[in-house]
PDB file of all heavy atoms in Angstrom:
ATOM      1  N   VAL A   1      -0.149  35.608-107.913  1.00  0.00           N
ATOM      2  CA  VAL A   1      -1.236  36.165-107.084  1.00  0.00           C
ATOM      3  C   VAL A   1      -0.922  36.073-105.536  1.00  0.00           C
ATOM      4  O   VAL A   1      -1.144  36.939-104.739  1.00  0.00           O
ATOM      5  CB  VAL A   1      -2.499  35.278-107.284  1.00  0.00           C
ATOM      6  CG1 VAL A   1      -3.559  35.642-106.368  1.00  0.00           C
ATOM      7  CG2 VAL A   1      -3.001  35.450-108.757  1.00  0.00           C
ATOM      8  N   LEU A   2      -0.233  34.903-105.129  1.00  0.00           N
ATOM      9  CA  LEU A   2       0.250  34.764-103.828  1.00  0.00           C
ATOM     10  C   LEU A   2       1.292  35.791-103.359  1.00  0.00           C
ATOM     11  O   LEU A   2       1.305  36.283-102.257  1.00  0.00           O
ATOM     12  CB  LEU A   2       0.634  33.271-103.578  1.00  0.00           C
ATOM     13  CG  LEU A   2      -0.238  32.147-103.930  1.00  0.00           C
ATOM     14  CD1 LEU A   2       0.368  30.927-103.705  1.00  0.00           C
ATOM     15  CD2 LEU A   2      -1.495  32.258-103.055  1.00  0.00           C
ATOM     16  N   ARG A   3       2.091  36.051-104.363  1.00  0.00           N
ATOM     17  CA  ARG A   3       3.239  37.104-104.046  1.00  0.00           C
ATOM     18  C   ARG A   3       2.452  38.481-103.833  1.00  0.00           C
ATOM     19  O   ARG A   3       2.841  39.253-103.022  1.00  0.00           O
ATOM     20  CB  ARG A   3       4.153  37.199-105.254  1.00  0.00           C
ATOM     21  CG  ARG A   3       5.023  36.000-105.410  1.00  0.00           C
ATOM     22  CD  ARG A   3       6.208  36.283-106.230  1.00  0.00           C
ATOM     23  NE  ARG A   3       7.053  37.334-105.824  1.00  0.00           N
ATOM     24  CZ  ARG A   3       7.998  37.121-104.885  1.00  0.00           C
ATOM     25  NH1 ARG A   3       8.184  35.920-104.445  1.00  0.00           N
ATOM     26  NH2 ARG A   3       8.785  38.138-104.433  1.00  0.00           N
ATOM     27  N   ASN A   4       1.411  38.775-104.642  1.00  0.00           N
ATOM     28  CA  ASN A   4       0.679  39.945-104.470  1.00  0.00           C
ATOM     29  C   ASN A   4      -0.111  39.980-103.204  1.00  0.00           C
ATOM     30  O   ASN A   4      -0.146  41.037-102.408  1.00  0.00           O
ATOM     31  CB  ASN A   4      -0.427  40.169-105.562  1.00  0.00           C
ATOM     32  CG  ASN A   4       0.151  40.834-106.780  1.00  0.00           C
ATOM     33  OD1 ASN A   4       1.385  41.268-106.820  1.00  0.00           O
ATOM     34  ND2 ASN A   4      -0.585  40.966-107.839  1.00  0.00           N
ATOM     35  N   THR A   5      -0.445  38.775-102.728  1.00  0.00           N
ATOM     36  CA  THR A   5      -1.170  38.714-101.360  1.00  0.00           C
ATOM     37  C   THR A   5      -0.248  39.017-100.285  1.00  0.00           C
ATOM     38  O   THR A   5      -0.490  39.702 -99.368  1.00  0.00           O
ATOM     39  CB  THR A   5      -1.745  37.206-101.185  1.00  0.00           C
ATOM     40  OG1 THR A   5      -2.488  36.976-102.279  1.00  0.00           O
ATOM     41  CG2 THR A   5      -2.671  37.202 -99.904  1.00  0.00           C
ATOM     42  N   ALA A   6       0.990  38.375-100.358  1.00  0.00           N
ATOM     43  CA  ALA A   6       1.949  38.705 -99.396  1.00  0.00           C
ATOM     44  C   ALA A   6       2.345  40.225 -99.442  1.00  0.00           C
ATOM     45  O   ALA A   6       2.513  40.732 -98.333  1.00  0.00           O
ATOM     46  CB  ALA A   6       3.193  37.761 -99.615  1.00  0.00           C
ATOM     47  N   TYR A   7       2.523  40.750-100.650  1.00  0.00           N
ATOM     48  CA  TYR A   7       2.926  42.133-100.779  1.00  0.00           C
ATOM     49  C   TYR A   7       1.950  43.032-100.009  1.00  0.00           C
ATOM     50  O   TYR A   7       2.168  43.903 -99.378  1.00  0.00           O
ATOM     51  CB  TYR A   7       3.123  42.447-102.155  1.00  0.00           C
ATOM     52  CG  TYR A   7       3.548  43.882-102.510  1.00  0.00           C
ATOM     53  CD1 TYR A   7       4.857  44.259-102.681  1.00  0.00           C
ATOM     54  CD2 TYR A   7       2.526  44.866-102.406  1.00  0.00           C
ATOM     55  CE1 TYR A   7       5.259  45.568-103.007  1.00  0.00           C
ATOM     56  CE2 TYR A   7       2.854  46.218-102.722  1.00  0.00           C
ATOM     57  CZ  TYR A   7       4.155  46.608-102.891  1.00  0.00           C
ATOM     58  OH  TYR A   7       4.584  47.878-103.092  1.00  0.00           O
ATOM     59  N   TRP A   8       0.576  42.815-100.396  1.00  0.00           N
ATOM     60  CA  TRP A   8      -0.438  43.586 -99.976  1.00  0.00           C
ATOM     61  C   TRP A   8      -0.550  43.613 -98.365  1.00  0.00           C
ATOM     62  O   TRP A   8      -0.857  44.613 -97.756  1.00  0.00           O
ATOM     63  CB  TRP A   8      -1.834  43.133-100.591  1.00  0.00           C
ATOM     64  CG  TRP A   8      -3.044  43.951-100.312  1.00  0.00           C
ATOM     65  CD1 TRP A   8      -4.036  43.693 -99.463  1.00  0.00           C
ATOM     66  CD2 TRP A   8      -3.258  45.315-100.792  1.00  0.00           C
ATOM     67  NE1 TRP A   8      -4.909  44.732 -99.365  1.00  0.00           N
ATOM     68  CE2 TRP A   8      -4.405  45.721-100.092  1.00  0.00           C
ATOM     69  CE3 TRP A   8      -2.383  46.277-101.500  1.00  0.00           C
ATOM     70  CZ2 TRP A   8      -4.975  47.008-100.362  1.00  0.00           C
ATOM     71  CZ3 TRP A   8      -2.970  47.513-101.679  1.00  0.00           C
ATOM     72  CH2 TRP A   8      -4.215  47.948-101.187  1.00  0.00           C
ATOM     73  N   SER A   9      -0.383  42.442 -97.875  1.00  0.00           N
ATOM     74  CA  SER A   9      -0.522  42.150 -96.333  1.00  0.00           C
ATOM     75  C   SER A   9       0.640  43.097 -95.740  1.00  0.00           C
ATOM     76  O   SER A   9       0.348  43.680 -94.594  1.00  0.00           O
ATOM     77  CB  SER A   9      -0.388  40.763 -96.002  1.00  0.00           C
ATOM     78  OG  SER A   9      -1.358  39.964 -96.466  1.00  0.00           O
ATOM     79  N   LEU A  10       1.865  43.067 -96.273  1.00  0.00           N
ATOM     80  CA  LEU A  10       2.890  43.964 -95.684  1.00  0.00           C
ATOM     81  C   LEU A  10       2.703  45.434 -95.982  1.00  0.00           C
ATOM     82  O   LEU A  10       2.934  46.272 -95.113  1.00  0.00           O
ATOM     83  CB  LEU A  10       4.293  43.496 -96.379  1.00  0.00           C
ATOM     84  CG  LEU A  10       4.828  42.075 -96.107  1.00  0.00           C
ATOM     85  CD1 LEU A  10       5.883  41.674 -96.829  1.00  0.00           C
ATOM     86  CD2 LEU A  10       5.085  41.924 -94.442  1.00  0.00           C
ATOM     87  N   TRP A  11       2.217  45.654 -97.153  1.00  0.00           N
ATOM     88  CA  TRP A  11       2.020  47.165 -97.586  1.00  0.00           C
ATOM     89  C   TRP A  11       0.880  47.776 -96.729  1.00  0.00           C
ATOM     90  O   TRP A  11       0.992  48.959 -96.327  1.00  0.00           O
ATOM     91  CB  TRP A  11       1.610  47.228 -99.015  1.00  0.00           C
ATOM     92  CG  TRP A  11       1.579  48.669 -99.556  1.00  0.00           C
ATOM     93  CD1 TRP A  11       2.561  49.512 -99.931  1.00  0.00           C
ATOM     94  CD2 TRP A  11       0.393  49.469 -99.478  1.00  0.00           C
ATOM     95  NE1 TRP A  11       2.105  50.722-100.320  1.00  0.00           N
ATOM     96  CE2 TRP A  11       0.747  50.682-100.027  1.00  0.00           C
ATOM     97  CE3 TRP A  11      -0.953  49.254 -99.266  1.00  0.00           C
ATOM     98  CZ2 TRP A  11      -0.204  51.782-100.266  1.00  0.00           C
ATOM     99  CZ3 TRP A  11      -1.883  50.368 -99.431  1.00  0.00           C
ATOM    100  CH2 TRP A  11      -1.426  51.632 -99.868  1.00  0.00           C
ATOM    101  N   LYS A  12       0.027  47.078 -96.336  1.00  0.00           N
ATOM    102  CA  LYS A  12      -1.216  47.620 -95.528  1.00  0.00           C
ATOM    103  C   LYS A  12      -0.691  48.028 -93.978  1.00  0.00           C
ATOM    104  O   LYS A  12      -1.493  48.686 -93.395  1.00  0.00           O
ATOM    105  CB  LYS A  12      -2.314  46.570 -95.448  1.00  0.00           C
ATOM    106  CG  LYS A  12      -3.096  46.536 -96.727  1.00  0.00           C
ATOM    107  CD  LYS A  12      -4.435  45.927 -96.523  1.00  0.00           C
ATOM    108  CE  LYS A  12      -5.448  46.731 -95.757  1.00  0.00           C
ATOM    109  NZ  LYS A  12      -6.686  46.136 -95.768  1.00  0.00           N
ATOM    110  N   THR A  13       0.297  47.531 -93.707  1.00  0.00           N
ATOM    111  CA  THR A  13       0.891  47.971 -92.292  1.00  0.00           C
ATOM    112  C   THR A  13       1.224  49.329 -92.277  1.00  0.00           C
ATOM    113  O   THR A  13       1.390  49.944 -91.205  1.00  0.00           O
ATOM    114  CB  THR A  13       2.066  47.091 -91.950  1.00  0.00           C
ATOM    115  OG1 THR A  13       3.091  47.378 -92.846  1.00  0.00           O
ATOM    116  CG2 THR A  13       1.712  45.591 -91.823  1.00  0.00           C
ATOM    117  N   GLY A  14       1.514  49.989 -93.502  1.00  0.00           N
ATOM    118  CA  GLY A  14       1.791  51.462 -93.514  1.00  0.00           C
ATOM    119  C   GLY A  14       3.229  51.775 -93.332  1.00  0.00           C
ATOM    120  O   GLY A  14       3.528  52.928 -93.197  1.00  0.00           O
ATOM    121  N   ARG A  15       4.190  50.744 -93.242  1.00  0.00           N
ATOM    122  CA  ARG A  15       5.632  51.002 -93.131  1.00  0.00           C
ATOM    123  C   ARG A  15       6.320  51.219 -94.328  1.00  0.00           C
ATOM    124  O   ARG A  15       7.496  51.432 -94.411  1.00  0.00           O
ATOM    125  CB  ARG A  15       6.322  49.815 -92.264  1.00  0.00           C
ATOM    126  CG  ARG A  15       5.629  49.627 -90.866  1.00  0.00           C
ATOM    127  CD  ARG A  15       6.228  48.306 -90.203  1.00  0.00           C
ATOM    128  NE  ARG A  15       7.616  48.398 -90.294  1.00  0.00           N
ATOM    129  CZ  ARG A  15       8.324  47.445 -90.971  1.00  0.00           C
ATOM    130  NH1 ARG A  15       7.677  46.556 -91.700  1.00  0.00           N
ATOM    131  NH2 ARG A  15       9.542  47.363 -90.887  1.00  0.00           N
ATOM    132  N   TYR A  16       5.644  50.928 -95.614  1.00  0.00           N
ATOM    133  CA  TYR A  16       6.445  50.888 -96.782  1.00  0.00           C
ATOM    134  C   TYR A  16       6.240  51.954 -97.662  1.00  0.00           C
ATOM    135  O   TYR A  16       6.789  52.009 -98.822  1.00  0.00           O
ATOM    136  CB  TYR A  16       6.263  49.557 -97.324  1.00  0.00           C
ATOM    137  CG  TYR A  16       6.805  48.334 -96.620  1.00  0.00           C
ATOM    138  CD1 TYR A  16       5.857  47.641 -95.730  1.00  0.00           C
ATOM    139  CD2 TYR A  16       8.271  47.948 -96.561  1.00  0.00           C
ATOM    140  CE1 TYR A  16       6.342  46.676 -94.927  1.00  0.00           C
ATOM    141  CE2 TYR A  16       8.624  46.954 -95.749  1.00  0.00           C
ATOM    142  CZ  TYR A  16       7.733  46.362 -94.933  1.00  0.00           C
ATOM    143  OH  TYR A  16       8.215  45.282 -94.202  1.00  0.00           O
ATOM    144  N   GLY A  17       5.361  52.860 -97.386  1.00  0.00           N
ATOM    145  CA  GLY A  17       5.006  53.980 -98.363  1.00  0.00           C
ATOM    146  C   GLY A  17       3.505  54.028 -98.536  1.00  0.00           C
ATOM    147  O   GLY A  17       2.699  53.420 -97.983  1.00  0.00           O
ATOM    148  N   THR A  18       3.098  54.829 -99.642  1.00  0.00           N
ATOM    149  CA  THR A  18       1.749  55.089 -99.818  1.00  0.00           C
ATOM    150  C   THR A  18       1.315  54.788-101.345  1.00  0.00           C
ATOM    151  O   THR A  18       0.248  54.925-101.878  1.00  0.00           O
ATOM    152  CB  THR A  18       1.345  56.548 -99.635  1.00  0.00           C
ATOM    153  OG1 THR A  18       2.329  57.469-100.441  1.00  0.00           O
ATOM    154  CG2 THR A  18       1.559  56.938 -98.206  1.00  0.00           C
ATOM    155  N   ASP A  19       2.285  54.221-102.077  1.00  0.00           N
ATOM    156  CA  ASP A  19       2.089  53.909-103.499  1.00  0.00           C
ATOM    157  C   ASP A  19       2.264  52.327-103.725  1.00  0.00           C
ATOM    158  O   ASP A  19       3.433  51.998-103.862  1.00  0.00           O
ATOM    159  CB  ASP A  19       3.022  54.603-104.333  1.00  0.00           C
ATOM    160  CG  ASP A  19       2.734  54.419-105.827  1.00  0.00           C
ATOM    161  OD1 ASP A  19       1.751  53.742-106.247  1.00  0.00           O
ATOM    162  OD2 ASP A  19       3.509  54.945-106.733  1.00  0.00           O
ATOM    163  N   TYR A  20       1.230  51.570-103.690  1.00  0.00           N
ATOM    164  CA  TYR A  20       1.443  50.202-103.861  1.00  0.00           C
ATOM    165  C   TYR A  20       1.669  49.796-105.364  1.00  0.00           C
ATOM    166  O   TYR A  20       1.951  48.589-105.552  1.00  0.00           O
ATOM    167  CB  TYR A  20       0.090  49.373-103.408  1.00  0.00           C
ATOM    168  CG  TYR A  20      -1.159  49.699-103.996  1.00  0.00           C
ATOM    169  CD1 TYR A  20      -1.491  49.554-105.273  1.00  0.00           C
ATOM    170  CD2 TYR A  20      -2.182  50.512-103.257  1.00  0.00           C
ATOM    171  CE1 TYR A  20      -2.687  49.894-105.834  1.00  0.00           C
ATOM    172  CE2 TYR A  20      -3.354  50.996-103.791  1.00  0.00           C
ATOM    173  CZ  TYR A  20      -3.643  50.588-105.134  1.00  0.00           C
ATOM    174  OH  TYR A  20      -4.821  50.921-105.622  1.00  0.00           O
ATOM    175  N   TRP A  21       1.792  50.730-106.293  1.00  0.00           N
ATOM    176  CA  TRP A  21       2.213  50.432-107.624  1.00  0.00           C
ATOM    177  C   TRP A  21       3.719  50.355-107.746  1.00  0.00           C
ATOM    178  O   TRP A  21       4.244  49.791-108.537  1.00  0.00           O
ATOM    179  CB  TRP A  21       1.643  51.316-108.623  1.00  0.00           C
ATOM    180  CG  TRP A  21       0.184  51.268-108.805  1.00  0.00           C
ATOM    181  CD1 TRP A  21      -0.672  52.148-108.352  1.00  0.00           C
ATOM    182  CD2 TRP A  21      -0.464  50.132-109.415  1.00  0.00           C
ATOM    183  NE1 TRP A  21      -2.049  51.672-108.690  1.00  0.00           N
ATOM    184  CE2 TRP A  21      -1.881  50.507-109.368  1.00  0.00           C
ATOM    185  CE3 TRP A  21      -0.111  49.074-110.041  1.00  0.00           C
ATOM    186  CZ2 TRP A  21      -2.948  49.667-109.885  1.00  0.00           C
ATOM    187  CZ3 TRP A  21      -1.149  48.173-110.530  1.00  0.00           C
ATOM    188  CH2 TRP A  21      -2.568  48.513-110.508  1.00  0.00           C
ATOM    189  N   ASN A  22       4.375  51.149-106.917  1.00  0.00           N
ATOM    190  CA  ASN A  22       5.866  51.329-107.006  1.00  0.00           C
ATOM    191  C   ASN A  22       6.618  51.022-105.651  1.00  0.00           C
ATOM    192  O   ASN A  22       7.856  50.929-105.702  1.00  0.00           O
ATOM    193  CB  ASN A  22       6.169  52.765-107.515  1.00  0.00           C
ATOM    194  CG  ASN A  22       5.574  53.036-108.804  1.00  0.00           C
ATOM    195  OD1 ASN A  22       5.901  52.348-109.875  1.00  0.00           O
ATOM    196  ND2 ASN A  22       4.580  54.019-108.898  1.00  0.00           N
ATOM    197  N   ASP A  23       6.103  50.974-104.682  1.00  0.00           N
ATOM    198  CA  ASP A  23       6.830  50.828-103.365  1.00  0.00           C
ATOM    199  C   ASP A  23       7.564  49.474-103.329  1.00  0.00           C
ATOM    200  O   ASP A  23       6.926  48.484-103.625  1.00  0.00           O
ATOM    201  CB  ASP A  23       5.980  50.948-102.032  1.00  0.00           C
ATOM    202  CG  ASP A  23       5.288  52.318-101.836  1.00  0.00           C
ATOM    203  OD1 ASP A  23       5.997  53.236-102.305  1.00  0.00           O
ATOM    204  OD2 ASP A  23       4.329  52.465-101.186  1.00  0.00           O
ATOM    205  N   VAL A  24       8.827  49.529-102.938  1.00  0.00           N
ATOM    206  CA  VAL A  24       9.606  48.255-102.933  1.00  0.00           C
ATOM    207  C   VAL A  24       9.426  47.538-101.600  1.00  0.00           C
ATOM    208  O   VAL A  24       9.791  48.191-100.605  1.00  0.00           O
ATOM    209  CB  VAL A  24      11.030  48.529-103.253  1.00  0.00           C
ATOM    210  CG1 VAL A  24      11.934  47.342-103.316  1.00  0.00           C
ATOM    211  CG2 VAL A  24      11.224  49.168-104.661  1.00  0.00           C
ATOM    212  N   ILE A  25       9.020  46.410-101.646  1.00  0.00           N
ATOM    213  CA  ILE A  25       8.949  45.573-100.406  1.00  0.00           C
ATOM    214  C   ILE A  25       9.527  44.093-100.629  1.00  0.00           C
ATOM    215  O   ILE A  25       9.334  43.546-101.653  1.00  0.00           O
ATOM    216  CB  ILE A  25       7.384  45.309 -99.971  1.00  0.00           C
ATOM    217  CG1 ILE A  25       6.799  46.783 -99.771  1.00  0.00           C
ATOM    218  CG2 ILE A  25       7.327  44.609 -98.674  1.00  0.00           C
ATOM    219  CD1 ILE A  25       5.312  46.658 -99.480  1.00  0.00           C
ATOM    220  N   ASN A  26      10.324  43.789 -99.608  1.00  0.00           N
ATOM    221  CA  ASN A  26      10.934  42.438 -99.730  1.00  0.00           C
ATOM    222  C   ASN A  26       9.988  41.398 -99.316  1.00  0.00           C
ATOM    223  O   ASN A  26       9.449  41.270 -98.158  1.00  0.00           O
ATOM    224  CB  ASN A  26      12.113  42.329 -98.739  1.00  0.00           C
ATOM    225  CG  ASN A  26      12.981  41.050 -99.046  1.00  0.00           C
ATOM    226  OD1 ASN A  26      12.719  40.038 -98.529  1.00  0.00           O
ATOM    227  ND2 ASN A  26      14.091  41.201 -99.867  1.00  0.00           N
ATOM    228  N   VAL A  27       9.533  40.458-100.289  1.00  0.00           N
ATOM    229  CA  VAL A  27       8.547  39.543-100.038  1.00  0.00           C
ATOM    230  C   VAL A  27       9.293  38.213-100.229  1.00  0.00           C
ATOM    231  O   VAL A  27       9.849  37.808-101.225  1.00  0.00           O
ATOM    232  CB  VAL A  27       7.385  39.524-101.009  1.00  0.00           C
ATOM    233  CG1 VAL A  27       6.426  38.546-100.883  1.00  0.00           C
ATOM    234  CG2 VAL A  27       6.647  40.992-100.982  1.00  0.00           C
ATOM    235  N   SER A  28       9.344  37.429 -99.088  1.00  0.00           N
ATOM    236  CA  SER A  28       9.958  36.061 -99.101  1.00  0.00           C
ATOM    237  C   SER A  28      11.302  36.046 -99.639  1.00  0.00           C
ATOM    238  O   SER A  28      11.785  35.205-100.416  1.00  0.00           O
ATOM    239  CB  SER A  28       8.949  34.999 -99.797  1.00  0.00           C
ATOM    240  OG  SER A  28       7.883  34.937 -99.288  1.00  0.00           O
ATOM    241  N   GLY A  29      12.144  37.168 -99.299  1.00  0.00           N
ATOM    242  CA  GLY A  29      13.578  37.171 -99.691  1.00  0.00           C
ATOM    243  C   GLY A  29      13.825  37.862-101.105  1.00  0.00           C
ATOM    244  O   GLY A  29      14.878  37.942-101.452  1.00  0.00           O
ATOM    245  N   VAL A  30      12.699  38.246-101.772  1.00  0.00           N
ATOM    246  CA  VAL A  30      12.811  38.814-103.110  1.00  0.00           C
ATOM    247  C   VAL A  30      12.164  40.271-103.070  1.00  0.00           C
ATOM    248  O   VAL A  30      10.954  40.378-102.598  1.00  0.00           O
ATOM    249  CB  VAL A  30      12.255  37.996-104.303  1.00  0.00           C
ATOM    250  CG1 VAL A  30      12.329  38.695-105.530  1.00  0.00           C
ATOM    251  CG2 VAL A  30      13.095  36.616-104.257  1.00  0.00           C
ATOM    252  N   ASP A  31      12.876  41.198-103.519  1.00  0.00           N
ATOM    253  CA  ASP A  31      12.331  42.687-103.696  1.00  0.00           C
ATOM    254  C   ASP A  31      11.259  42.654-104.753  1.00  0.00           C
ATOM    255  O   ASP A  31      11.397  42.030-105.882  1.00  0.00           O
ATOM    256  CB  ASP A  31      13.405  43.627-103.959  1.00  0.00           C
ATOM    257  CG  ASP A  31      14.150  43.950-102.816  1.00  0.00           C
ATOM    258  OD1 ASP A  31      13.788  43.582-101.714  1.00  0.00           O
ATOM    259  OD2 ASP A  31      15.142  44.812-102.893  1.00  0.00           O
ATOM    260  N   GLN A  32      10.067  43.151-104.434  1.00  0.00           N
ATOM    261  CA  GLN A  32       8.968  43.215-105.316  1.00  0.00           C
ATOM    262  C   GLN A  32       8.626  44.840-105.354  1.00  0.00           C
ATOM    263  O   GLN A  32       8.108  45.422-104.383  1.00  0.00           O
ATOM    264  CB  GLN A  32       7.721  42.562-104.897  1.00  0.00           C
ATOM    265  CG  GLN A  32       6.541  42.490-105.873  1.00  0.00           C
ATOM    266  CD  GLN A  32       5.448  41.534-105.406  1.00  0.00           C
ATOM    267  OE1 GLN A  32       5.796  40.438-104.924  1.00  0.00           O
ATOM    268  NE2 GLN A  32       4.308  41.933-105.741  1.00  0.00           N
ATOM    269  N   ALA A  33       8.680  45.320-106.572  1.00  0.00           N
ATOM    270  CA  ALA A  33       8.567  46.878-106.738  1.00  0.00           C
ATOM    271  C   ALA A  33       7.077  47.123-107.084  1.00  0.00           C
ATOM    272  O   ALA A  33       6.748  47.221-108.281  1.00  0.00           O
ATOM    273  CB  ALA A  33       9.440  47.443-107.793  1.00  0.00           C
ATOM    274  N   GLY A  34       6.218  47.122-106.135  1.00  0.00           N
ATOM    275  CA  GLY A  34       4.780  47.110-106.416  1.00  0.00           C
ATOM    276  C   GLY A  34       4.128  45.904-106.664  1.00  0.00           C
ATOM    277  O   GLY A  34       4.666  44.885-107.005  1.00  0.00           O
ATOM    278  N   LEU A  35       2.699  46.093-106.587  1.00  0.00           N
ATOM    279  CA  LEU A  35       1.883  44.782-106.976  1.00  0.00           C
ATOM    280  C   LEU A  35       2.125  44.446-108.490  1.00  0.00           C
ATOM    281  O   LEU A  35       2.284  45.310-109.368  1.00  0.00           O
ATOM    282  CB  LEU A  35       0.490  45.206-106.696  1.00  0.00           C
ATOM    283  CG  LEU A  35      -0.130  45.331-105.457  1.00  0.00           C
ATOM    284  CD1 LEU A  35      -1.598  45.943-105.438  1.00  0.00           C
ATOM    285  CD2 LEU A  35       0.016  44.062-104.604  1.00  0.00           C
ATOM    286  N   MET A  36       2.257  43.160-108.712  1.00  0.00           N
ATOM    287  CA  MET A  36       2.487  42.713-110.011  1.00  0.00           C
ATOM    288  C   MET A  36       1.132  42.785-110.843  1.00  0.00           C
ATOM    289  O   MET A  36       0.064  42.458-110.415  1.00  0.00           O
ATOM    290  CB  MET A  36       2.782  41.195-110.030  1.00  0.00           C
ATOM    291  CG  MET A  36       4.139  40.929-109.336  1.00  0.00           C
ATOM    292  SD  MET A  36       4.599  39.118-109.523  1.00  0.00           S
ATOM    293  CE  MET A  36       6.103  39.209-108.638  1.00  0.00           C
ATOM    294  N   PRO A  37       1.231  43.381-112.104  1.00  0.00           N
ATOM    295  CA  PRO A  37       0.036  43.823-112.801  1.00  0.00           C
ATOM    296  C   PRO A  37      -0.511  42.544-113.541  1.00  0.00           C
ATOM    297  O   PRO A  37      -0.578  42.521-114.789  1.00  0.00           O
ATOM    298  CB  PRO A  37       0.549  44.887-113.693  1.00  0.00           C
ATOM    299  CG  PRO A  37       1.941  44.509-114.020  1.00  0.00           C
ATOM    300  CD  PRO A  37       2.474  44.041-112.634  1.00  0.00           C
ATOM    301  N   ILE A  38      -0.820  41.492-112.878  1.00  0.00           N
ATOM    302  CA  ILE A  38      -1.251  40.230-113.503  1.00  0.00           C
ATOM    303  C   ILE A  38      -2.818  40.422-113.797  1.00  0.00           C
ATOM    304  O   ILE A  38      -3.560  41.065-113.094  1.00  0.00           O
ATOM    305  CB  ILE A  38      -0.977  39.032-112.638  1.00  0.00           C
ATOM    306  CG1 ILE A  38      -1.599  39.406-111.129  1.00  0.00           C
ATOM    307  CG2 ILE A  38       0.446  38.714-112.538  1.00  0.00           C
ATOM    308  CD1 ILE A  38      -1.419  38.233-110.172  1.00  0.00           C
ATOM    309  N   PRO A  39      -3.282  39.697-114.902  1.00  0.00           N
ATOM    310  CA  PRO A  39      -4.658  39.851-115.180  1.00  0.00           C
ATOM    311  C   PRO A  39      -5.447  39.046-114.246  1.00  0.00           C
ATOM    312  O   PRO A  39      -4.934  37.984-113.673  1.00  0.00           O
ATOM    313  CB  PRO A  39      -4.724  39.130-116.571  1.00  0.00           C
ATOM    314  CG  PRO A  39      -3.502  38.233-116.755  1.00  0.00           C
ATOM    315  CD  PRO A  39      -2.449  39.015-115.906  1.00  0.00           C
ATOM    316  N   MET A  40      -6.756  39.363-113.919  1.00  0.00           N
ATOM    317  CA  MET A  40      -7.657  38.741-113.078  1.00  0.00           C
ATOM    318  C   MET A  40      -8.467  37.871-113.902  1.00  0.00           C
ATOM    319  O   MET A  40      -9.216  38.380-114.696  1.00  0.00           O
ATOM    320  CB  MET A  40      -8.312  39.540-112.056  1.00  0.00           C
ATOM    321  CG  MET A  40      -7.641  39.989-110.864  1.00  0.00           C
ATOM    322  SD  MET A  40      -8.607  41.056-109.761  1.00  0.00           S
ATOM    323  CE  MET A  40      -8.663  42.626-110.698  1.00  0.00           C
ATOM    324  N   ALA A  41      -8.524  36.512-113.617  1.00  0.00           N
ATOM    325  CA  ALA A  41      -9.431  35.589-114.258  1.00  0.00           C
ATOM    326  C   ALA A  41     -10.964  36.071-114.127  1.00  0.00           C
ATOM    327  O   ALA A  41     -11.736  35.865-115.032  1.00  0.00           O
ATOM    328  CB  ALA A  41      -9.402  34.143-113.740  1.00  0.00           C
TER     329      ALA A  41
END
């Protein structure tokens, strides 16, 4: 969830694309290809 939070904060800047399901962003030194599809409690 925290990795998604970090990804979302970076993605919202508009520098990484328009598809948060697939855009690759480096989060804390690791590439993350879109938001992780984790279940929400």
